[in-house]
C-alpha atoms as a PDB file:
ATOM      1  CA  MET A   1     -36.158 -29.370 -24.704  1.00  0.00           C
ATOM      2  CA  ARG A   2     -32.742 -29.755 -23.176  1.00  0.00           C
ATOM      3  CA  VAL A   3     -31.039 -26.623 -21.788  1.00  0.00           C
ATOM      4  CA  HIS A   4     -27.278 -26.514 -21.949  1.00  0.00           C
ATOM      5  CA  PRO A   5     -25.690 -26.416 -18.378  1.00  0.00           C
ATOM      6  CA  PHE A   6     -23.526 -23.408 -19.289  1.00  0.00           C
ATOM      7  CA  VAL A   7     -26.589 -21.313 -20.055  1.00  0.00           C
ATOM      8  CA  LEU A   8     -28.120 -22.241 -16.700  1.00  0.00           C
ATOM      9  CA  ALA A   9     -24.964 -21.185 -14.841  1.00  0.00           C
ATOM     10  CA  VAL A  10     -24.918 -17.796 -16.540  1.00  0.00           C
ATOM     11  CA  VAL A  11     -28.606 -17.205 -15.846  1.00  0.00           C
ATOM     12  CA  ALA A  12     -28.150 -18.217 -12.185  1.00  0.00           C
ATOM     13  CA  GLY A  13     -25.263 -15.729 -11.825  1.00  0.00           C
ATOM     14  CA  VAL A  14     -27.312 -12.860 -13.197  1.00  0.00           C
ATOM     15  CA  VAL A  15     -30.196 -13.454 -10.820  1.00  0.00           C
ATOM     16  CA  GLY A  16     -28.064 -13.251  -7.629  1.00  0.00           C
ATOM     17  CA  SER A  17     -30.173 -10.590  -5.867  1.00  0.00           C
ATOM     18  CA  SER A  18     -33.944 -10.444  -6.135  1.00  0.00           C
ATOM     19  CA  LEU A  19     -35.804  -7.301  -5.310  1.00  0.00           C
ATOM     20  CA  VAL A  20     -39.341  -7.073  -4.113  1.00  0.00           C
ATOM     21  CA  ALA A  21     -41.154  -3.946  -5.192  1.00  0.00           C
ATOM     22  CA  GLY A  22     -40.746  -1.133  -2.669  1.00  0.00           C
ATOM     23  CA  THR A  23     -37.529  -2.506  -1.037  1.00  0.00           C
ATOM     24  CA  ALA A  24     -33.883  -1.613  -1.475  1.00  0.00           C
ATOM     25  CA  THR A  25     -30.771  -3.700  -1.207  1.00  0.00           C
ATOM     26  CA  ALA A  26     -27.208  -2.693  -0.353  1.00  0.00           C
ATOM     27  CA  GLU A  27     -24.154  -4.086  -2.082  1.00  0.00           C
ATOM     28  CA  THR A  28     -20.480  -3.417  -1.434  1.00  0.00           C
ATOM     29  CA  ALA A  29     -17.565  -2.593  -3.687  1.00  0.00           C
ATOM     30  CA  SER A  30     -14.058  -3.229  -2.409  1.00  0.00           C
ATOM     31  CA  VAL A  31     -10.507  -2.656  -3.551  1.00  0.00           C
ATOM     32  CA  THR A  32      -7.139  -3.169  -1.868  1.00  0.00           C
ATOM     33  CA  LEU A  33      -4.557  -0.455  -2.526  1.00  0.00           C
ATOM     34  CA  THR A  34      -0.982  -1.635  -2.097  1.00  0.00           C
ATOM     35  CA  ALA A  35       2.002   0.618  -1.437  1.00  0.00           C
ATOM     36  CA  GLY A  36       3.894   2.024  -4.398  1.00  0.00           C
ATOM     37  CA  THR A  37       7.436   3.380  -4.367  1.00  0.00           C
ATOM     38  CA  LEU A  38       9.357   6.482  -3.324  1.00  0.00           C
ATOM     39  CA  THR A  39      11.593   7.699  -6.177  1.00  0.00           C
ATOM     40  CA  ILE A  40      13.648  10.684  -7.265  1.00  0.00           C
ATOM     41  CA  THR A  41      14.356  11.349 -10.944  1.00  0.00           C
ATOM     42  CA  THR A  42      17.429  13.480 -11.699  1.00  0.00           C
ATOM     43  CA  TYR A  43      19.128  14.915 -14.779  1.00  0.00           C
ATOM     44  CA  PRO A  44      22.753  16.044 -15.353  1.00  0.00           C
ATOM     45  CA  PHE A  45      24.206  19.534 -15.046  1.00  0.00           C
ATOM     46  CA  SER A  46      26.267  20.938 -17.908  1.00  0.00           C
ATOM     47  CA  PHE A  47      28.222  24.137 -17.346  1.00  0.00           C
ATOM     48  CA  SER A  48      29.112  26.390 -20.276  1.00  0.00           C
ATOM     49  CA  ASN A  49      32.716  26.169 -21.427  1.00  0.00           C
ATOM     50  CA  THR A  50      34.612  28.861 -19.534  1.00  0.00           C
ATOM     51  CA  ALA A  51      38.107  30.293 -19.913  1.00  0.00           C
ATOM     52  CA  VAL A  52      40.302  30.500 -16.834  1.00  0.00           C
ATOM     53  CA  THR A  53      41.307  34.111 -16.205  1.00  0.00           C
ATOM     54  CA  GLY A  54      43.698  33.951 -13.267  1.00  0.00           C
ATOM     55  CA  ALA A  55      40.936  35.416 -11.083  1.00  0.00           C
ATOM     56  CA  ALA A  56      38.301  33.582  -9.058  1.00  0.00           C
ATOM     57  CA  GLN A  57      34.980  33.297 -10.893  1.00  0.00           C
ATOM     58  CA  SER A  58      31.632  31.575 -10.458  1.00  0.00           C
ATOM     59  CA  ILE A  59      29.513  29.887 -13.095  1.00  0.00           C
ATOM     60  CA  ASN A  60      26.024  28.366 -12.817  1.00  0.00           C
ATOM     61  CA  ALA A  61      24.263  25.433 -14.441  1.00  0.00           C
ATOM     62  CA  SER A  62      20.795  23.914 -14.228  1.00  0.00           C
ATOM     63  CA  PRO A  63      19.651  20.546 -15.572  1.00  0.00           C
ATOM     64  CA  GLY A  64      17.749  20.679 -18.850  1.00  0.00           C
ATOM     65  CA  THR A  65      14.739  18.990 -17.209  1.00  0.00           C
ATOM     66  CA  ALA A  66      13.267  19.527 -13.741  1.00  0.00           C
ATOM     67  CA  TRP A  67      14.027  16.905 -11.085  1.00  0.00           C
ATOM     68  CA  GLN A  68      11.054  15.020  -9.645  1.00  0.00           C
ATOM     69  CA  VAL A  69      10.237  13.336  -6.339  1.00  0.00           C
ATOM     70  CA  ASN A  70       7.352  10.867  -6.479  1.00  0.00           C
ATOM     71  CA  ASP A  71       5.965   9.477  -3.227  1.00  0.00           C
ATOM     72  CA  GLY A  72       3.583   6.693  -4.187  1.00  0.00           C
ATOM     73  CA  ARG A  73       3.879   4.793  -0.894  1.00  0.00           C
ATOM     74  CA  GLY A  74       0.474   6.019   0.272  1.00  0.00           C
ATOM     75  CA  THR A  75       1.596   6.379   3.890  1.00  0.00           C
ATOM     76  CA  GLY A  76       2.270  10.091   4.265  1.00  0.00           C
ATOM     77  CA  ALA A  77       5.569   9.215   5.967  1.00  0.00           C
ATOM     78  CA  ALA A  78       8.499  11.635   5.912  1.00  0.00           C
ATOM     79  CA  TRP A  79      11.192  11.340   3.237  1.00  0.00           C
ATOM     80  CA  THR A  80      14.693  12.754   2.745  1.00  0.00           C
ATOM     81  CA  ALA A  81      16.797  13.151  -0.420  1.00  0.00           C
ATOM     82  CA  THR A  82      20.577  13.431  -0.135  1.00  0.00           C
ATOM     83  CA  ILE A  83      23.369  14.422  -2.505  1.00  0.00           C
ATOM     84  CA  SER A  84      27.137  13.882  -2.522  1.00  0.00           C
ATOM     85  CA  SER A  85      29.836  14.304  -5.152  1.00  0.00           C
ATOM     86  CA  THR A  86      33.357  13.456  -6.149  1.00  0.00           C
ATOM     87  CA  ASP A  87      35.955  16.133  -6.948  1.00  0.00           C
ATOM     88  CA  LEU A  88      35.773  17.589 -10.448  1.00  0.00           C
ATOM     89  CA  THR A  89      38.529  15.919 -12.483  1.00  0.00           C
ATOM     90  CA  SER A  90      39.997  16.549 -15.918  1.00  0.00           C
ATOM     91  CA  ALA A  91      41.364  13.139 -16.924  1.00  0.00           C
ATOM     92  CA  ALA A  92      45.000  12.747 -17.859  1.00  0.00           C
ATOM     93  CA  GLY A  93      45.764  12.777 -21.570  1.00  0.00           C
ATOM     94  CA  SER A  94      48.505  11.029 -23.509  1.00  0.00           C
ATOM     95  CA  VAL A  95      50.836  14.046 -23.254  1.00  0.00           C
ATOM     96  CA  GLU A  96      49.459  15.851 -20.201  1.00  0.00           C
ATOM     97  CA  ASN A  97      49.547  12.730 -18.088  1.00  0.00           C
ATOM     98  CA  SER A  98      48.501  14.099 -14.673  1.00  0.00           C
ATOM     99  CA  ALA A  99      44.806  14.400 -13.878  1.00  0.00           C
ATOM    100  CA  ARG A 100      43.724  17.884 -12.747  1.00  0.00           C
ATOM    101  CA  THR A 101      41.142  18.397 -10.002  1.00  0.00           C
ATOM    102  CA  ILE A 102      38.923  21.069  -8.529  1.00  0.00           C
ATOM    103  CA  ALA A 103      37.823  20.228  -4.985  1.00  0.00           C
ATOM    104  CA  VAL A 104      34.228  19.089  -4.484  1.00  0.00           C
ATOM    105  CA  GLY A 105      33.663  21.930  -1.988  1.00  0.00           C
ATOM    106  CA  GLN A 106      33.831  24.419  -4.873  1.00  0.00           C
ATOM    107  CA  MET A 107      30.364  23.240  -5.975  1.00  0.00           C
ATOM    108  CA  SER A 108      27.114  24.198  -4.274  1.00  0.00           C
ATOM    109  CA  THR A 109      23.419  23.815  -5.058  1.00  0.00           C
ATOM    110  CA  VAL A 110      20.265  25.876  -4.659  1.00  0.00           C
ATOM    111  CA  ASP A 111      17.082  23.831  -5.082  1.00  0.00           C
ATOM    112  CA  GLY A 112      14.626  26.502  -6.200  1.00  0.00           C
ATOM    113  CA  SER A 113      10.893  26.363  -5.608  1.00  0.00           C
ATOM    114  CA  VAL A 114       9.030  23.067  -5.319  1.00  0.00           C
ATOM    115  CA  THR A 115       5.810  22.581  -7.295  1.00  0.00           C
ATOM    116  CA  ALA A 116       3.185  19.976  -6.390  1.00  0.00           C
ATOM    117  CA  GLY A 117       1.843  17.833  -9.218  1.00  0.00           C
ATOM    118  CA  THR A 118      -1.868  17.428  -9.935  1.00  0.00           C
ATOM    119  CA  GLY A 119      -3.630  15.875  -6.952  1.00  0.00           C
ATOM    120  CA  ALA A 120      -0.504  15.862  -4.743  1.00  0.00           C
ATOM    121  CA  ASP A 121      -0.531  17.121  -1.170  1.00  0.00           C
ATOM    122  CA  PRO A 122       0.496  20.802  -0.743  1.00  0.00           C
ATOM    123  CA  THR A 123       4.223  21.539  -0.491  1.00  0.00           C
ATOM    124  CA  THR A 124       3.810  22.934   3.044  1.00  0.00           C
ATOM    125  CA  ASN A 125       5.964  20.261   4.740  1.00  0.00           C
ATOM    126  CA  ILE A 126       8.731  20.207   2.100  1.00  0.00           C
ATOM    127  CA  THR A 127      12.041  21.921   2.830  1.00  0.00           C
ATOM    128  CA  ALA A 128      14.475  22.532  -0.027  1.00  0.00           C
ATOM    129  CA  SER A 129      17.853  23.909   0.968  1.00  0.00           C
ATOM    130  CA  GLY A 130      21.050  24.640  -0.835  1.00  0.00           C
ATOM    131  CA  VAL A 131      24.191  22.777   0.189  1.00  0.00           C
ATOM    132  CA  THR A 132      27.911  22.991  -0.418  1.00  0.00           C
ATOM    133  CA  LEU A 133      28.738  19.627  -1.941  1.00  0.00           C
ATOM    134  CA  SER A 134      31.061  17.167  -0.256  1.00  0.00           C
ATOM    135  CA  SER A 135      31.893  13.486  -0.494  1.00  0.00           C
ATOM    136  CA  SER A 136      29.413  12.855   2.358  1.00  0.00           C
ATOM    137  CA  ALA A 137      25.668  12.616   1.712  1.00  0.00           C
ATOM    138  CA  GLN A 138      23.832  15.814   2.700  1.00  0.00           C
ATOM    139  CA  THR A 139      20.108  16.495   2.791  1.00  0.00           C
ATOM    140  CA  PHE A 140      19.043  18.905   0.048  1.00  0.00           C
ATOM    141  CA  ILE A 141      15.270  18.346  -0.024  1.00  0.00           C
ATOM    142  CA  ALA A 142      13.027  16.674   2.554  1.00  0.00           C
ATOM    143  CA  SER A 143       9.427  16.229   3.674  1.00  0.00           C
ATOM    144  CA  SER A 144       8.461  16.097   7.329  1.00  0.00           C
ATOM    145  CA  GLY A 145       5.363  14.112   6.323  1.00  0.00           C
ATOM    146  CA  THR A 146       2.059  14.124   4.458  1.00  0.00           C
ATOM    147  CA  ASN A 147       3.570  14.834   1.052  1.00  0.00           C
ATOM    148  CA  ARG A 148       2.058  12.133  -1.139  1.00  0.00           C
ATOM    149  CA  GLY A 149       2.217  12.519  -4.899  1.00  0.00           C
ATOM    150  CA  SER A 150       4.667  14.091  -7.356  1.00  0.00           C
ATOM    151  CA  TYR A 151       6.771  17.207  -6.831  1.00  0.00           C
ATOM    152  CA  THR A 152       9.138  18.970  -9.252  1.00  0.00           C
ATOM    153  CA  PHE A 153      12.001  21.384  -8.676  1.00  0.00           C
ATOM    154  CA  THR A 154      14.923  22.645 -10.736  1.00  0.00           C
ATOM    155  CA  PRO A 155      18.168  22.881  -8.764  1.00  0.00           C
ATOM    156  CA  THR A 156      20.904  25.306  -9.747  1.00  0.00           C
ATOM    157  CA  MET A 157      24.550  24.357  -9.266  1.00  0.00           C
ATOM    158  CA  THR A 158      27.267  26.942  -8.781  1.00  0.00           C
ATOM    159  CA  LEU A 159      30.927  26.174  -9.437  1.00  0.00           C
ATOM    160  CA  ALA A 160      33.421  28.543  -7.813  1.00  0.00           C
ATOM    161  CA  ILE A 161      36.468  28.324 -10.083  1.00  0.00           C
ATOM    162  CA  PRO A 162      39.574  29.154  -8.049  1.00  0.00           C
ATOM    163  CA  ALA A 163      41.986  31.809  -9.324  1.00  0.00           C
ATOM    164  CA  ASN A 164      44.724  29.142  -9.571  1.00  0.00           C
ATOM    165  CA  ALA A 165      42.620  26.545 -11.448  1.00  0.00           C
ATOM    166  CA  TYR A 166      44.299  24.575 -14.227  1.00  0.00           C
ATOM    167  CA  ARG A 167      42.682  24.503 -17.653  1.00  0.00           C
ATOM    168  CA  SER A 168      41.373  21.115 -18.808  1.00  0.00           C
ATOM    169  CA  ASN A 169      43.945  18.582 -19.996  1.00  0.00           C
ATOM    170  CA  TYR A 170      44.355  17.890 -23.688  1.00  0.00           C
ATOM    171  CA  ALA A 171      43.425  14.319 -24.581  1.00  0.00           C
ATOM    172  CA  GLY A 172      46.431  13.988 -26.898  1.00  0.00           C
ATOM    173  CA  THR A 173      48.765  16.508 -28.518  1.00  0.00           C
ATOM    174  CA  VAL A 174      48.629  19.857 -26.724  1.00  0.00           C
ATOM    175  CA  GLY A 175      46.795  22.413 -28.872  1.00  0.00           C
ATOM    176  CA  SER A 176      45.802  19.836 -31.499  1.00  0.00           C
ATOM    177  CA  SER A 177      43.435  17.469 -29.672  1.00  0.00           C
ATOM    178  CA  GLY A 178      40.216  17.791 -27.707  1.00  0.00           C
ATOM    179  CA  LEU A 179      40.148  18.833 -24.067  1.00  0.00           C
ATOM    180  CA  ASN A 180      39.081  16.420 -21.336  1.00  0.00           C
ATOM    181  CA  PRO A 181      36.314  18.286 -19.492  1.00  0.00           C
ATOM    182  CA  TYR A 182      36.248  18.453 -15.729  1.00  0.00           C
ATOM    183  CA  THR A 183      33.609  15.970 -14.543  1.00  0.00           C
ATOM    184  CA  ALA A 184      32.253  14.915 -11.178  1.00  0.00           C
ATOM    185  CA  THR A 185      29.914  12.083 -10.225  1.00  0.00           C
ATOM    186  CA  LEU A 186      26.911  13.189  -8.177  1.00  0.00           C
ATOM    187  CA  THR A 187      25.193  10.557  -6.060  1.00  0.00           C
ATOM    188  CA  VAL A 188      21.550  11.293  -5.225  1.00  0.00           C
ATOM    189  CA  SER A 189      19.364   9.027  -3.090  1.00  0.00           C
ATOM    190  CA  ILE A 190      15.992   9.184  -1.361  1.00  0.00           C
ATOM    191  CA  SER A 191      14.553   7.315   1.584  1.00  0.00           C
END
């Protein structure tokens, strides 16, 4: 009878360790874990439409979904997230042809409480602080170390509308076209 070589190879692989009755053998299992990434996931703020009144007023907005920091680097190293913004601008329309602005310093944030995701390190070393926005990057949430895993928080943004604020520009004919909302571009980064 001729045995096919493939069958012999499979049988030889199965019989790699032989045990004698009454003895034990030790085997090893190994895995290499490589570093993942450090990310922050953000969502936009949308303030409610508000009428100017000729008096200073403040309005608040929160993103519809919580922001998330995920530290998958596996090092426990510190991390810092920063935020900056442009001025709020209502774009020029075809009739109202001068853009209107509200200075970036009229916006500020409060980060709220930070919640650790399942299996993440405790939030003990995380500091979340409110900032008055500017065109320069400012730290708004940071870890001094050993914060591996996912963390969520829902920031609140406050806009202080000055008493002398202009209403939004009309996109076309005044009173008969849509208004160009005031918008600002927020830049958020983490390292």
